[in-house]
């Protein structure tokens, strides 16, 4: 059986694609080229499904949620707050998995930040 090798991309609709791309670059440090190619550090990727009525993604209209691995969750959340981003107050610690925090991008998409153990 042929198998996929990993996540090849994640695509978002946006009212202002250039501004949303700039937000991800300036606030999260996502260094993608003009074609969106981003060379990321090696590490785990989680592929998980959730119940249709979950509130975990924030809005019930949001069908997917992007999760980024970060080195220092507290520093990333502080950086986002300093930029005026919409950062959730709560964080979550999951033993054996890591720490989680959330930010909502300027187009209303909830994004999860994960500091693995």
PDB file of N, CA and C in Angstrom:
ATOM      1  N   UNK A   1       0.845  -1.193   0.000  1.00  0.00           N
ATOM      2  CA  UNK A   1       0.000   0.000   0.000  1.00  0.00           C
ATOM      3  C   UNK A   1       0.879   1.242   0.000  1.00  0.00           C
ATOM      4  N   UNK A   2       0.586   2.181  -0.888  1.00  0.00           N
ATOM      5  CA  UNK A   2       1.285   3.467  -0.911  1.00  0.00           C
ATOM      6  C   UNK A   2       0.793   4.308   0.261  1.00  0.00           C
ATOM      7  N   UNK A   3       1.680   5.080   0.861  1.00  0.00           N
ATOM      8  CA  UNK A   3       1.331   5.895   2.025  1.00  0.00           C
ATOM      9  C   UNK A   3       1.752   7.346   1.802  1.00  0.00           C
ATOM     10  N   UNK A   4       1.032   8.265   2.450  1.00  0.00           N
ATOM     11  CA  UNK A   4       1.436   9.667   2.400  1.00  0.00           C
ATOM     12  C   UNK A   4       2.705   9.834   3.237  1.00  0.00           C
ATOM     13  N   UNK A   5       3.479  10.856   2.939  1.00  0.00           N
ATOM     14  CA  UNK A   5       4.753  11.093   3.611  1.00  0.00           C
ATOM     15  C   UNK A   5       4.671  12.141   4.711  1.00  0.00           C
ATOM     16  N   UNK A   6       3.641  12.951   4.707  1.00  0.00           N
ATOM     17  CA  UNK A   6       3.514  14.018   5.690  1.00  0.00           C
ATOM     18  C   UNK A   6       2.552  15.073   5.180  1.00  0.00           C
ATOM     19  N   UNK A   7       2.399  16.124   5.940  1.00  0.00           N
ATOM     20  CA  UNK A   7       1.542  17.235   5.540  1.00  0.00           C
ATOM     21  C   UNK A   7       2.270  18.011   4.442  1.00  0.00           C
ATOM     22  N   UNK A   8       1.624  18.165   3.315  1.00  0.00           N
ATOM     23  CA  UNK A   8       2.232  18.875   2.197  1.00  0.00           C
ATOM     24  C   UNK A   8       1.833  20.334   2.117  1.00  0.00           C
ATOM     25  N   UNK A   9       0.792  20.708   2.834  1.00  0.00           N
ATOM     26  CA  UNK A   9       0.358  22.097   2.807  1.00  0.00           C
ATOM     27  C   UNK A   9      -0.905  22.280   3.605  1.00  0.00           C
ATOM     28  N   UNK A  10      -1.201  23.514   3.900  1.00  0.00           N
ATOM     29  CA  UNK A  10      -2.435  23.888   4.578  1.00  0.00           C
ATOM     30  C   UNK A  10      -2.873  25.191   3.940  1.00  0.00           C
ATOM     31  N   UNK A  11      -4.095  25.253   3.478  1.00  0.00           N
ATOM     32  CA  UNK A  11      -4.539  26.380   2.675  1.00  0.00           C
ATOM     33  C   UNK A  11      -5.736  27.056   3.335  1.00  0.00           C
ATOM     34  N   UNK A  12      -5.718  28.384   3.361  1.00  0.00           N
ATOM     35  CA  UNK A  12      -6.774  29.168   3.990  1.00  0.00           C
ATOM     36  C   UNK A  12      -7.391  30.129   2.985  1.00  0.00           C
ATOM     37  N   UNK A  13      -8.703  30.255   3.013  1.00  0.00           N
ATOM     38  CA  UNK A  13      -9.361  31.333   2.281  1.00  0.00           C
ATOM     39  C   UNK A  13      -9.167  32.602   3.114  1.00  0.00           C
ATOM     40  N   UNK A  14      -9.006  33.731   2.463  1.00  0.00           N
ATOM     41  CA  UNK A  14      -8.824  34.977   3.200  1.00  0.00           C
ATOM     42  C   UNK A  14      -9.412  36.146   2.420  1.00  0.00           C
ATOM     43  N   UNK A  15     -10.000  37.085   3.132  1.00  0.00           N
ATOM     44  CA  UNK A  15     -10.500  38.309   2.502  1.00  0.00           C
ATOM     45  C   UNK A  15      -9.326  39.119   1.952  1.00  0.00           C
ATOM     46  N   UNK A  16      -8.188  39.078   2.656  1.00  0.00           N
ATOM     47  CA  UNK A  16      -6.983  39.785   2.232  1.00  0.00           C
ATOM     48  C   UNK A  16      -5.805  38.822   2.386  1.00  0.00           C
ATOM     49  N   UNK A  17      -5.543  37.978   1.386  1.00  0.00           N
ATOM     50  CA  UNK A  17      -4.489  36.975   1.492  1.00  0.00           C
ATOM     51  C   UNK A  17      -3.111  37.540   1.838  1.00  0.00           C
ATOM     52  N   UNK A  18      -2.743  38.662   1.253  1.00  0.00           N
ATOM     53  CA  UNK A  18      -1.420  39.236   1.527  1.00  0.00           C
ATOM     54  C   UNK A  18      -1.311  39.663   2.987  1.00  0.00           C
ATOM     55  N   UNK A  19      -2.360  40.295   3.526  1.00  0.00           N
ATOM     56  CA  UNK A  19      -2.330  40.738   4.925  1.00  0.00           C
ATOM     57  C   UNK A  19      -2.308  39.548   5.878  1.00  0.00           C
ATOM     58  N   UNK A  20      -3.073  38.502   5.566  1.00  0.00           N
ATOM     59  CA  UNK A  20      -3.085  37.338   6.448  1.00  0.00           C
ATOM     60  C   UNK A  20      -1.736  36.625   6.409  1.00  0.00           C
ATOM     61  N   UNK A  21      -1.133  36.505   5.236  1.00  0.00           N
ATOM     62  CA  UNK A  21       0.212  35.917   5.136  1.00  0.00           C
ATOM     63  C   UNK A  21       1.221  36.740   5.929  1.00  0.00           C
ATOM     64  N   UNK A  22       1.108  38.058   5.847  1.00  0.00           N
ATOM     65  CA  UNK A  22       2.012  38.935   6.607  1.00  0.00           C
ATOM     66  C   UNK A  22       1.828  38.752   8.103  1.00  0.00           C
ATOM     67  N   UNK A  23       0.594  38.551   8.568  1.00  0.00           N
ATOM     68  CA  UNK A  23       0.344  38.322  10.000  1.00  0.00           C
ATOM     69  C   UNK A  23       1.040  37.045  10.463  1.00  0.00           C
ATOM     70  N   UNK A  24       0.906  35.966   9.701  1.00  0.00           N
ATOM     71  CA  UNK A  24       1.561  34.712  10.069  1.00  0.00           C
ATOM     72  C   UNK A  24       3.083  34.871  10.072  1.00  0.00           C
ATOM     73  N   UNK A  25       3.626  35.641   9.140  1.00  0.00           N
ATOM     74  CA  UNK A  25       5.066  35.893   9.099  1.00  0.00           C
ATOM     75  C   UNK A  25       5.499  36.776  10.269  1.00  0.00           C
ATOM     76  N   UNK A  26       4.807  37.895  10.480  1.00  0.00           N
ATOM     77  CA  UNK A  26       5.235  38.878  11.475  1.00  0.00           C
ATOM     78  C   UNK A  26       4.926  38.474  12.908  1.00  0.00           C
ATOM     79  N   UNK A  27       3.825  37.783  13.139  1.00  0.00           N
ATOM     80  CA  UNK A  27       3.432  37.437  14.503  1.00  0.00           C
ATOM     81  C   UNK A  27       3.883  36.050  14.934  1.00  0.00           C
ATOM     82  N   UNK A  28       3.906  35.101  14.000  1.00  0.00           N
ATOM     83  CA  UNK A  28       4.293  33.737  14.354  1.00  0.00           C
ATOM     84  C   UNK A  28       5.665  33.352  13.813  1.00  0.00           C
ATOM     85  N   UNK A  29       6.246  34.189  12.981  1.00  0.00           N
ATOM     86  CA  UNK A  29       7.570  33.897  12.453  1.00  0.00           C
ATOM     87  C   UNK A  29       7.577  32.822  11.375  1.00  0.00           C
ATOM     88  N   UNK A  30       6.460  32.620  10.707  1.00  0.00           N
ATOM     89  CA  UNK A  30       6.365  31.612   9.661  1.00  0.00           C
ATOM     90  C   UNK A  30       7.027  32.168   8.397  1.00  0.00           C
ATOM     91  N   UNK A  31       8.233  31.722   8.122  1.00  0.00           N
ATOM     92  CA  UNK A  31       9.029  32.247   7.017  1.00  0.00           C
ATOM     93  C   UNK A  31       8.777  31.465   5.732  1.00  0.00           C
ATOM     94  N   UNK A  32       7.705  31.788   5.044  1.00  0.00           N
ATOM     95  CA  UNK A  32       7.383  31.145   3.774  1.00  0.00           C
ATOM     96  C   UNK A  32       7.823  32.058   2.631  1.00  0.00           C
ATOM     97  N   UNK A  33       8.202  31.431   1.519  1.00  0.00           N
ATOM     98  CA  UNK A  33       8.597  32.239   0.360  1.00  0.00           C
ATOM     99  C   UNK A  33       7.352  32.729  -0.392  1.00  0.00           C
ATOM    100  N   UNK A  34       7.560  33.350  -1.564  1.00  0.00           N
ATOM    101  CA  UNK A  34       6.431  33.939  -2.287  1.00  0.00           C
ATOM    102  C   UNK A  34       5.434  32.899  -2.792  1.00  0.00           C
ATOM    103  N   UNK A  35       5.833  31.625  -2.806  1.00  0.00           N
ATOM    104  CA  UNK A  35       4.934  30.539  -3.217  1.00  0.00           C
ATOM    105  C   UNK A  35       4.307  29.829  -2.023  1.00  0.00           C
ATOM    106  N   UNK A  36       4.654  30.272  -0.817  1.00  0.00           N
ATOM    107  CA  UNK A  36       4.123  29.652   0.390  1.00  0.00           C
ATOM    108  C   UNK A  36       4.974  28.500   0.899  1.00  0.00           C
ATOM    109  N   UNK A  37       6.109  28.214   0.264  1.00  0.00           N
ATOM    110  CA  UNK A  37       6.966  27.107   0.695  1.00  0.00           C
ATOM    111  C   UNK A  37       7.652  27.472   2.011  1.00  0.00           C
ATOM    112  N   UNK A  38       7.452  26.621   3.008  1.00  0.00           N
ATOM    113  CA  UNK A  38       7.995  26.838   4.346  1.00  0.00           C
ATOM    114  C   UNK A  38       8.760  25.592   4.750  1.00  0.00           C
ATOM    115  N   UNK A  39      10.023  25.723   4.975  1.00  0.00           N
ATOM    116  CA  UNK A  39      10.870  24.608   5.428  1.00  0.00           C
ATOM    117  C   UNK A  39      10.847  24.625   6.952  1.00  0.00           C
ATOM    118  N   UNK A  40      10.206  23.628   7.537  1.00  0.00           N
ATOM    119  CA  UNK A  40      10.037  23.609   8.985  1.00  0.00           C
ATOM    120  C   UNK A  40      11.009  22.657   9.656  1.00  0.00           C
ATOM    121  N   UNK A  41      11.201  22.875  10.950  1.00  0.00           N
ATOM    122  CA  UNK A  41      12.065  22.014  11.739  1.00  0.00           C
ATOM    123  C   UNK A  41      11.427  20.630  11.865  1.00  0.00           C
ATOM    124  N   UNK A  42      12.242  19.575  11.890  1.00  0.00           N
ATOM    125  CA  UNK A  42      11.668  18.237  12.055  1.00  0.00           C
ATOM    126  C   UNK A  42      10.979  18.086  13.407  1.00  0.00           C
ATOM    127  N   UNK A  43       9.987  17.257  13.437  1.00  0.00           N
ATOM    128  CA  UNK A  43       9.258  17.004  14.666  1.00  0.00           C
ATOM    129  C   UNK A  43       7.949  16.312  14.370  1.00  0.00           C
ATOM    130  N   UNK A  44       7.254  15.967  15.409  1.00  0.00           N
ATOM    131  CA  UNK A  44       6.002  15.228  15.272  1.00  0.00           C
ATOM    132  C   UNK A  44       4.906  16.088  14.651  1.00  0.00           C
ATOM    133  N   UNK A  45       4.030  15.440  13.917  1.00  0.00           N
ATOM    134  CA  UNK A  45       2.813  16.048  13.402  1.00  0.00           C
ATOM    135  C   UNK A  45       1.652  15.183  13.853  1.00  0.00           C
ATOM    136  N   UNK A  46       0.625  15.813  14.388  1.00  0.00           N
ATOM    137  CA  UNK A  46      -0.551  15.082  14.862  1.00  0.00           C
ATOM    138  C   UNK A  46      -1.655  15.185  13.813  1.00  0.00           C
ATOM    139  N   UNK A  47      -2.270  14.054  13.497  1.00  0.00           N
ATOM    140  CA  UNK A  47      -3.452  14.030  12.642  1.00  0.00           C
ATOM    141  C   UNK A  47      -4.556  13.437  13.501  1.00  0.00           C
ATOM    142  N   UNK A  48      -5.543  14.232  13.873  1.00  0.00           N
ATOM    143  CA  UNK A  48      -6.591  13.769  14.780  1.00  0.00           C
ATOM    144  C   UNK A  48      -7.945  14.268  14.313  1.00  0.00           C
ATOM    145  N   UNK A  49      -8.959  13.481  14.579  1.00  0.00           N
ATOM    146  CA  UNK A  49     -10.331  13.884  14.282  1.00  0.00           C
ATOM    147  C   UNK A  49     -11.053  14.204  15.587  1.00  0.00           C
ATOM    148  N   UNK A  50     -12.050  15.070  15.509  1.00  0.00           N
ATOM    149  CA  UNK A  50     -12.821  15.506  16.662  1.00  0.00           C
ATOM    150  C   UNK A  50     -14.301  15.320  16.375  1.00  0.00           C
ATOM    151  N   UNK A  51     -15.106  15.217  17.414  1.00  0.00           N
ATOM    152  CA  UNK A  51     -16.555  15.156  17.242  1.00  0.00           C
ATOM    153  C   UNK A  51     -17.050  16.407  16.517  1.00  0.00           C
ATOM    154  N   UNK A  52     -18.086  16.255  15.725  1.00  0.00           N
ATOM    155  CA  UNK A  52     -18.632  17.365  14.944  1.00  0.00           C
ATOM    156  C   UNK A  52     -19.101  18.522  15.821  1.00  0.00           C
ATOM    157  N   UNK A  53     -19.488  18.255  17.058  1.00  0.00           N
ATOM    158  CA  UNK A  53     -19.998  19.322  17.927  1.00  0.00           C
ATOM    159  C   UNK A  53     -18.950  19.853  18.907  1.00  0.00           C
ATOM    160  N   UNK A  54     -17.664  19.613  18.641  1.00  0.00           N
ATOM    161  CA  UNK A  54     -16.612  20.092  19.537  1.00  0.00           C
ATOM    162  C   UNK A  54     -16.535  21.619  19.562  1.00  0.00           C
ATOM    163  N   UNK A  55     -16.196  22.158  20.706  1.00  0.00           N
ATOM    164  CA  UNK A  55     -15.922  23.593  20.830  1.00  0.00           C
ATOM    165  C   UNK A  55     -14.415  23.854  20.829  1.00  0.00           C
ATOM    166  N   UNK A  56     -13.623  22.808  20.658  1.00  0.00           N
ATOM    167  CA  UNK A  56     -12.165  22.917  20.751  1.00  0.00           C
ATOM    168  C   UNK A  56     -11.581  23.861  19.710  1.00  0.00           C
ATOM    169  N   UNK A  57     -12.224  23.956  18.542  1.00  0.00           N
ATOM    170  CA  UNK A  57     -11.713  24.813  17.475  1.00  0.00           C
ATOM    171  C   UNK A  57     -12.157  26.263  17.633  1.00  0.00           C
ATOM    172  N   UNK A  58     -12.864  26.580  18.711  1.00  0.00           N
ATOM    173  CA  UNK A  58     -13.416  27.918  18.865  1.00  0.00           C
ATOM    174  C   UNK A  58     -14.798  27.948  18.245  1.00  0.00           C
ATOM    175  N   UNK A  59     -14.954  28.643  17.150  1.00  0.00           N
ATOM    176  CA  UNK A  59     -16.241  28.753  16.470  1.00  0.00           C
ATOM    177  C   UNK A  59     -16.662  27.407  15.893  1.00  0.00           C
ATOM    178  N   UNK A  60     -17.949  27.095  16.015  1.00  0.00           N
ATOM    179  CA  UNK A  60     -18.477  25.843  15.440  1.00  0.00           C
ATOM    180  C   UNK A  60     -18.433  25.860  13.912  1.00  0.00           C
ATOM    181  N   UNK A  61     -18.273  27.040  13.314  1.00  0.00           N
ATOM    182  CA  UNK A  61     -18.195  27.107  11.854  1.00  0.00           C
ATOM    183  C   UNK A  61     -16.788  26.779  11.342  1.00  0.00           C
ATOM    184  N   UNK A  62     -15.787  26.787  12.214  1.00  0.00           N
ATOM    185  CA  UNK A  62     -14.421  26.461  11.810  1.00  0.00           C
ATOM    186  C   UNK A  62     -14.292  24.941  11.709  1.00  0.00           C
ATOM    187  N   UNK A  63     -14.009  24.445  10.519  1.00  0.00           N
ATOM    188  CA  UNK A  63     -13.979  23.001  10.268  1.00  0.00           C
ATOM    189  C   UNK A  63     -12.635  22.351  10.577  1.00  0.00           C
ATOM    190  N   UNK A  64     -11.564  23.103  10.554  1.00  0.00           N
ATOM    191  CA  UNK A  64     -10.227  22.577  10.818  1.00  0.00           C
ATOM    192  C   UNK A  64      -9.480  23.550  11.723  1.00  0.00           C
ATOM    193  N   UNK A  65      -8.399  23.094  12.338  1.00  0.00           N
ATOM    194  CA  UNK A  65      -7.574  23.994  13.143  1.00  0.00           C
ATOM    195  C   UNK A  65      -6.108  23.689  12.881  1.00  0.00           C
ATOM    196  N   UNK A  66      -5.360  24.707  12.610  1.00  0.00           N
ATOM    197  CA  UNK A  66      -3.932  24.615  12.398  1.00  0.00           C
ATOM    198  C   UNK A  66      -3.239  24.536  13.757  1.00  0.00           C
ATOM    199  N   UNK A  67      -2.249  23.664  13.887  1.00  0.00           N
ATOM    200  CA  UNK A  67      -1.475  23.515  15.112  1.00  0.00           C
ATOM    201  C   UNK A  67      -0.012  23.706  14.742  1.00  0.00           C
ATOM    202  N   UNK A  68       0.658  24.646  15.440  1.00  0.00           N
ATOM    203  CA  UNK A  68       2.083  24.877  15.224  1.00  0.00           C
ATOM    204  C   UNK A  68       2.874  24.441  16.445  1.00  0.00           C
ATOM    205  N   UNK A  69       3.972  23.718  16.203  1.00  0.00           N
ATOM    206  CA  UNK A  69       4.911  23.396  17.285  1.00  0.00           C
ATOM    207  C   UNK A  69       5.729  24.650  17.593  1.00  0.00           C
ATOM    208  N   UNK A  70       5.931  24.927  18.894  1.00  0.00           N
ATOM    209  CA  UNK A  70       6.765  26.059  19.318  1.00  0.00           C
ATOM    210  C   UNK A  70       7.774  25.577  20.349  1.00  0.00           C
ATOM    211  N   UNK A  71       8.876  26.284  20.471  1.00  0.00           N
ATOM    212  CA  UNK A  71       9.916  25.931  21.432  1.00  0.00           C
ATOM    213  C   UNK A  71       9.545  26.389  22.836  1.00  0.00           C
ATOM    214  N   UNK A  72       9.006  27.615  22.969  1.00  0.00           N
ATOM    215  CA  UNK A  72       8.711  28.211  24.271  1.00  0.00           C
ATOM    216  C   UNK A  72       7.323  28.851  24.199  1.00  0.00           C
ATOM    217  N   UNK A  73       6.319  28.136  24.690  1.00  0.00           N
ATOM    218  CA  UNK A  73       4.939  28.601  24.590  1.00  0.00           C
ATOM    219  C   UNK A  73       4.743  29.940  25.281  1.00  0.00           C
ATOM    220  N   UNK A  74       5.269  30.102  26.490  1.00  0.00           N
ATOM    221  CA  UNK A  74       5.084  31.362  27.216  1.00  0.00           C
ATOM    222  C   UNK A  74       5.661  32.542  26.443  1.00  0.00           C
ATOM    223  N   UNK A  75       6.851  32.366  25.875  1.00  0.00           N
ATOM    224  CA  UNK A  75       7.475  33.449  25.102  1.00  0.00           C
ATOM    225  C   UNK A  75       6.654  33.766  23.851  1.00  0.00           C
ATOM    226  N   UNK A  76       6.143  32.731  23.183  1.00  0.00           N
ATOM    227  CA  UNK A  76       5.340  32.951  21.979  1.00  0.00           C
ATOM    228  C   UNK A  76       4.046  33.687  22.312  1.00  0.00           C
ATOM    229  N   UNK A  77       3.374  33.277  23.390  1.00  0.00           N
ATOM    230  CA  UNK A  77       2.125  33.942  23.773  1.00  0.00           C
ATOM    231  C   UNK A  77       2.387  35.399  24.167  1.00  0.00           C
ATOM    232  N   UNK A  78       3.481  35.655  24.875  1.00  0.00           N
ATOM    233  CA  UNK A  78       3.832  37.031  25.253  1.00  0.00           C
ATOM    234  C   UNK A  78       4.114  37.874  24.005  1.00  0.00           C
ATOM    235  N   UNK A  79       4.813  37.293  23.048  1.00  0.00           N
ATOM    236  CA  UNK A  79       5.120  37.989  21.788  1.00  0.00           C
ATOM    237  C   UNK A  79       3.831  38.327  21.045  1.00  0.00           C
ATOM    238  N   UNK A  80       2.904  37.393  20.998  1.00  0.00           N
ATOM    239  CA  UNK A  80       1.637  37.633  20.316  1.00  0.00           C
ATOM    240  C   UNK A  80       0.818  38.713  21.016  1.00  0.00           C
ATOM    241  N   UNK A  81       0.797  38.670  22.339  1.00  0.00           N
ATOM    242  CA  UNK A  81       0.068  39.714  23.087  1.00  0.00           C
ATOM    243  C   UNK A  81       0.685  41.083  22.832  1.00  0.00           C
ATOM    244  N   UNK A  82       2.008  41.150  22.772  1.00  0.00           N
ATOM    245  CA  UNK A  82       2.689  42.423  22.513  1.00  0.00           C
ATOM    246  C   UNK A  82       2.346  42.964  21.126  1.00  0.00           C
ATOM    247  N   UNK A  83       2.045  42.068  20.182  1.00  0.00           N
ATOM    248  CA  UNK A  83       1.643  42.466  18.827  1.00  0.00           C
ATOM    249  C   UNK A  83       0.160  42.827  18.757  1.00  0.00           C
ATOM    250  N   UNK A  84      -0.565  42.650  19.875  1.00  0.00           N
ATOM    251  CA  UNK A  84      -1.987  42.965  19.895  1.00  0.00           C
ATOM    252  C   UNK A  84      -2.872  41.843  19.380  1.00  0.00           C
ATOM    253  N   UNK A  85      -2.310  40.638  19.276  1.00  0.00           N
ATOM    254  CA  UNK A  85      -3.084  39.503  18.767  1.00  0.00           C
ATOM    255  C   UNK A  85      -4.128  39.059  19.784  1.00  0.00           C
ATOM    256  N   UNK A  86      -5.151  38.392  19.302  1.00  0.00           N
ATOM    257  CA  UNK A  86      -6.238  37.855  20.129  1.00  0.00           C
ATOM    258  C   UNK A  86      -5.795  36.500  20.689  1.00  0.00           C
ATOM    259  N   UNK A  87      -5.196  36.541  21.881  1.00  0.00           N
ATOM    260  CA  UNK A  87      -4.634  35.349  22.520  1.00  0.00           C
ATOM    261  C   UNK A  87      -5.573  34.892  23.634  1.00  0.00           C
ATOM    262  N   UNK A  88      -5.886  33.596  23.648  1.00  0.00           N
ATOM    263  CA  UNK A  88      -6.720  33.041  24.717  1.00  0.00           C
ATOM    264  C   UNK A  88      -5.969  33.128  26.038  1.00  0.00           C
ATOM    265  N   UNK A  89      -6.692  33.428  27.104  1.00  0.00           N
ATOM    266  CA  UNK A  89      -6.071  33.534  28.428  1.00  0.00           C
ATOM    267  C   UNK A  89      -5.594  32.187  28.955  1.00  0.00           C
ATOM    268  N   UNK A  90      -6.373  31.136  28.676  1.00  0.00           N
ATOM    269  CA  UNK A  90      -6.042  29.832  29.227  1.00  0.00           C
ATOM    270  C   UNK A  90      -4.965  29.124  28.414  1.00  0.00           C
ATOM    271  N   UNK A  91      -4.213  28.275  29.106  1.00  0.00           N
ATOM    272  CA  UNK A  91      -3.318  27.322  28.471  1.00  0.00           C
ATOM    273  C   UNK A  91      -3.676  25.957  29.036  1.00  0.00           C
ATOM    274  N   UNK A  92      -3.170  24.916  28.408  1.00  0.00           N
ATOM    275  CA  UNK A  92      -3.477  23.566  28.864  1.00  0.00           C
ATOM    276  C   UNK A  92      -2.194  22.758  28.902  1.00  0.00           C
ATOM    277  N   UNK A  93      -1.994  22.037  29.995  1.00  0.00           N
ATOM    278  CA  UNK A  93      -0.863  21.122  30.134  1.00  0.00           C
ATOM    279  C   UNK A  93      -1.390  19.701  30.059  1.00  0.00           C
ATOM    280  N   UNK A  94      -0.807  18.890  29.173  1.00  0.00           N
ATOM    281  CA  UNK A  94      -1.199  17.489  29.036  1.00  0.00           C
ATOM    282  C   UNK A  94       0.044  16.655  29.306  1.00  0.00           C
ATOM    283  N   UNK A  95       0.002  15.922  30.392  1.00  0.00           N
ATOM    284  CA  UNK A  95       1.156  15.120  30.811  1.00  0.00           C
ATOM    285  C   UNK A  95       1.581  14.163  29.701  1.00  0.00           C
ATOM    286  N   UNK A  96       2.871  14.161  29.423  1.00  0.00           N
ATOM    287  CA  UNK A  96       3.422  13.291  28.402  1.00  0.00           C
ATOM    288  C   UNK A  96       3.253  13.799  26.980  1.00  0.00           C
ATOM    289  N   UNK A  97       2.508  14.891  26.809  1.00  0.00           N
ATOM    290  CA  UNK A  97       2.256  15.437  25.465  1.00  0.00           C
ATOM    291  C   UNK A  97       2.857  16.833  25.324  1.00  0.00           C
ATOM    292  N   UNK A  98       2.544  17.718  26.279  1.00  0.00           N
ATOM    293  CA  UNK A  98       3.082  19.069  26.225  1.00  0.00           C
ATOM    294  C   UNK A  98       2.097  20.113  26.683  1.00  0.00           C
ATOM    295  N   UNK A  99       2.384  21.353  26.325  1.00  0.00           N
ATOM    296  CA  UNK A  99       1.567  22.501  26.708  1.00  0.00           C
ATOM    297  C   UNK A  99       0.938  23.105  25.462  1.00  0.00           C
ATOM    298  N   UNK A 100      -0.271  23.654  25.643  1.00  0.00           N
ATOM    299  CA  UNK A 100      -1.025  24.208  24.534  1.00  0.00           C
ATOM    300  C   UNK A 100      -1.528  25.609  24.863  1.00  0.00           C
ATOM    301  N   UNK A 101      -1.568  26.454  23.858  1.00  0.00           N
ATOM    302  CA  UNK A 101      -2.159  27.782  23.945  1.00  0.00           C
ATOM    303  C   UNK A 101      -2.804  28.094  22.609  1.00  0.00           C
ATOM    304  N   UNK A 102      -3.598  29.155  22.544  1.00  0.00           N
ATOM    305  CA  UNK A 102      -4.351  29.455  21.324  1.00  0.00           C
ATOM    306  C   UNK A 102      -4.326  30.942  21.003  1.00  0.00           C
ATOM    307  N   UNK A 103      -4.336  31.238  19.722  1.00  0.00           N
ATOM    308  CA  UNK A 103      -4.439  32.590  19.206  1.00  0.00           C
ATOM    309  C   UNK A 103      -5.446  32.545  18.056  1.00  0.00           C
ATOM    310  N   UNK A 104      -6.151  33.642  17.851  1.00  0.00           N
ATOM    311  CA  UNK A 104      -7.070  33.747  16.718  1.00  0.00           C
ATOM    312  C   UNK A 104      -6.459  34.724  15.730  1.00  0.00           C
ATOM    313  N   UNK A 105      -6.332  34.286  14.478  1.00  0.00           N
ATOM    314  CA  UNK A 105      -5.724  35.156  13.465  1.00  0.00           C
ATOM    315  C   UNK A 105      -6.700  36.270  13.070  1.00  0.00           C
ATOM    316  N   UNK A 106      -6.233  37.255  12.307  1.00  0.00           N
ATOM    317  CA  UNK A 106      -7.087  38.394  11.964  1.00  0.00           C
ATOM    318  C   UNK A 106      -8.344  38.043  11.163  1.00  0.00           C
ATOM    319  N   UNK A 107      -8.401  36.849  10.581  1.00  0.00           N
ATOM    320  CA  UNK A 107      -9.587  36.435   9.819  1.00  0.00           C
ATOM    321  C   UNK A 107     -10.510  35.553  10.650  1.00  0.00           C
ATOM    322  N   UNK A 108     -10.207  35.406  11.955  1.00  0.00           N
ATOM    323  CA  UNK A 108     -11.090  34.670  12.852  1.00  0.00           C
ATOM    324  C   UNK A 108     -10.803  33.187  12.997  1.00  0.00           C
ATOM    325  N   UNK A 109      -9.672  32.709  12.484  1.00  0.00           N
ATOM    326  CA  UNK A 109      -9.305  31.304  12.595  1.00  0.00           C
ATOM    327  C   UNK A 109      -8.537  31.049  13.893  1.00  0.00           C
ATOM    328  N   UNK A 110      -9.034  30.130  14.712  1.00  0.00           N
ATOM    329  CA  UNK A 110      -8.336  29.756  15.939  1.00  0.00           C
ATOM    330  C   UNK A 110      -7.160  28.858  15.566  1.00  0.00           C
ATOM    331  N   UNK A 111      -5.972  29.184  16.086  1.00  0.00           N
ATOM    332  CA  UNK A 111      -4.738  28.463  15.820  1.00  0.00           C
ATOM    333  C   UNK A 111      -4.204  27.952  17.150  1.00  0.00           C
ATOM    334  N   UNK A 112      -3.816  26.686  17.175  1.00  0.00           N
ATOM    335  CA  UNK A 112      -3.264  26.099  18.387  1.00  0.00           C
ATOM    336  C   UNK A 112      -1.740  26.133  18.334  1.00  0.00           C
ATOM    337  N   UNK A 113      -1.147  26.448  19.474  1.00  0.00           N
ATOM    338  CA  UNK A 113       0.312  26.449  19.622  1.00  0.00           C
ATOM    339  C   UNK A 113       0.665  25.350  20.604  1.00  0.00           C
ATOM    340  N   UNK A 114       1.649  24.536  20.258  1.00  0.00           N
ATOM    341  CA  UNK A 114       1.985  23.341  21.042  1.00  0.00           C
ATOM    342  C   UNK A 114       3.466  23.318  21.367  1.00  0.00           C
ATOM    343  N   UNK A 115       3.777  23.280  22.655  1.00  0.00           N
ATOM    344  CA  UNK A 115       5.154  23.078  23.109  1.00  0.00           C
ATOM    345  C   UNK A 115       5.261  21.617  23.530  1.00  0.00           C
ATOM    346  N   UNK A 116       5.811  20.757  22.642  1.00  0.00           N
ATOM    347  CA  UNK A 116       5.898  19.334  22.988  1.00  0.00           C
ATOM    348  C   UNK A 116       6.821  19.089  24.185  1.00  0.00           C
ATOM    349  N   UNK A 117       6.592  17.958  24.868  1.00  0.00           N
ATOM    350  CA  UNK A 117       7.481  17.597  25.981  1.00  0.00           C
ATOM    351  C   UNK A 117       8.804  17.141  25.442  1.00  0.00           C
TER     352      UNK A 117
END
